[in-house]
């Protein structure tokens, strides 16, 4: 019998990137395969299960209900450049790609 419960629907998800130790990465994917679930599901269930047992954290969280998640930075639209502005100009001192011959 697995320790992780079957998936429930209707939860809101956010994307989060992190790094794992190689052994934990392998174990995560092996356990996900064992359950027939995604690794993301396994991670969420592990967090829910482990943190639910930490009585000090539960008490602290009740005293600090605000969000501690970093605020998402809105994506900036790509900068658009005018084609004329993107070409190097000899007037601004840009060297040409051709080699300069010097006579001694």
Protein backbone atom coordinates (compact mmCIF):
# COMPACT_ATOMS: atom_id res chain seq x y z
CA UNK A 1 0.00 0.00 0.00
CA UNK A 2 1.39 3.40 -0.97
CA UNK A 3 1.71 6.23 1.53
CA UNK A 4 0.45 8.82 -0.94
CA UNK A 5 -3.31 9.15 -1.45
CA UNK A 6 -5.01 9.13 -4.86
CA UNK A 7 -5.10 12.40 -6.77
CA UNK A 8 -7.88 14.88 -6.06
CA UNK A 9 -9.11 17.32 -8.70
CA UNK A 10 -9.79 21.02 -8.57
CA UNK A 11 -6.55 22.31 -7.06
CA UNK A 12 -4.79 25.39 -8.39
CA UNK A 13 -1.16 24.87 -9.43
CA UNK A 14 1.78 27.24 -9.89
CA UNK A 15 5.05 26.51 -11.61
CA UNK A 16 8.17 26.29 -9.43
CA UNK A 17 11.69 25.40 -10.53
CA UNK A 18 14.19 23.83 -8.16
CA UNK A 19 17.18 21.55 -8.06
CA UNK A 20 17.20 18.13 -6.41
CA UNK A 21 19.99 15.88 -5.29
CA UNK A 22 20.42 13.18 -7.92
CA UNK A 23 19.33 10.37 -5.58
CA UNK A 24 16.16 12.26 -4.63
CA UNK A 25 15.48 12.95 -8.31
CA UNK A 26 15.73 9.24 -9.11
CA UNK A 27 13.61 8.28 -6.09
CA UNK A 28 10.96 10.88 -6.96
CA UNK A 29 10.57 9.55 -10.49
CA UNK A 30 10.64 5.92 -9.33
CA UNK A 31 7.88 6.58 -6.77
CA UNK A 32 5.85 8.48 -9.36
CA UNK A 33 6.15 5.48 -11.70
CA UNK A 34 5.15 3.17 -8.83
CA UNK A 35 1.98 5.23 -8.29
CA UNK A 36 1.33 5.86 -11.97
CA UNK A 37 1.34 9.60 -11.26
CA UNK A 38 3.39 12.65 -12.23
CA UNK A 39 6.44 13.64 -10.13
CA UNK A 40 4.73 16.99 -9.43
CA UNK A 41 1.88 15.16 -7.75
CA UNK A 42 4.30 13.17 -5.60
CA UNK A 43 6.12 16.33 -4.48
CA UNK A 44 2.86 18.06 -3.55
CA UNK A 45 1.69 15.07 -1.56
CA UNK A 46 5.03 14.75 0.21
CA UNK A 47 4.88 18.40 1.26
CA UNK A 48 1.29 18.05 2.42
CA UNK A 49 2.04 14.89 4.40
CA UNK A 50 5.33 15.89 6.01
CA UNK A 51 4.38 19.44 6.91
CA UNK A 52 1.00 18.34 8.29
CA UNK A 53 2.91 16.39 10.97
CA UNK A 54 5.07 19.34 12.10
CA UNK A 55 3.09 20.72 15.04
CA UNK A 56 5.45 23.67 15.58
CA UNK A 57 5.09 24.70 11.93
CA UNK A 58 1.29 24.37 12.07
CA UNK A 59 1.20 26.63 15.13
CA UNK A 60 3.57 29.14 13.53
CA UNK A 61 1.55 29.15 10.29
CA UNK A 62 -1.64 29.88 12.24
CA UNK A 63 0.14 32.92 13.74
CA UNK A 64 1.56 33.97 10.34
CA UNK A 65 -1.21 33.39 7.78
CA UNK A 66 0.18 35.79 5.17
CA UNK A 67 1.83 34.52 2.00
CA UNK A 68 5.56 33.95 2.08
CA UNK A 69 5.75 33.03 -1.60
CA UNK A 70 7.75 35.49 -3.67
CA UNK A 71 5.62 37.73 -5.82
CA UNK A 72 5.63 36.84 -9.48
CA UNK A 73 7.47 39.31 -11.66
CA UNK A 74 5.29 40.21 -14.64
CA UNK A 75 6.90 39.37 -17.95
CA UNK A 76 8.00 42.38 -19.93
CA UNK A 77 6.93 42.55 -23.56
CA UNK A 78 9.86 42.05 -25.92
CA UNK A 79 11.55 45.24 -26.97
CA UNK A 80 10.89 46.20 -30.55
CA UNK A 81 13.67 47.89 -32.42
CA UNK A 82 13.45 49.76 -35.64
CA UNK A 83 15.58 48.04 -38.28
CA UNK A 84 17.45 51.27 -38.97
CA UNK A 85 18.44 51.53 -35.29
CA UNK A 86 19.86 48.02 -35.11
CA UNK A 87 22.46 48.41 -37.89
CA UNK A 88 25.95 49.55 -36.86
CA UNK A 89 26.97 52.88 -38.25
CA UNK A 90 30.43 54.11 -39.19
CA UNK A 91 29.48 57.47 -37.71
CA UNK A 92 29.46 56.03 -34.17
CA UNK A 93 32.93 54.49 -34.45
CA UNK A 94 32.05 50.88 -35.14
CA UNK A 95 34.97 49.12 -36.78
CA UNK A 96 34.34 47.25 -39.99
CA UNK A 97 34.75 43.50 -40.15
CA UNK A 98 37.34 43.71 -42.93
CA UNK A 99 40.99 43.69 -41.81
CA UNK A 100 42.98 46.87 -42.28
CA UNK A 101 46.23 46.60 -44.23
CA UNK A 102 49.21 48.50 -42.90
CA UNK A 103 52.38 49.14 -44.83
CA UNK A 104 55.61 49.46 -42.97
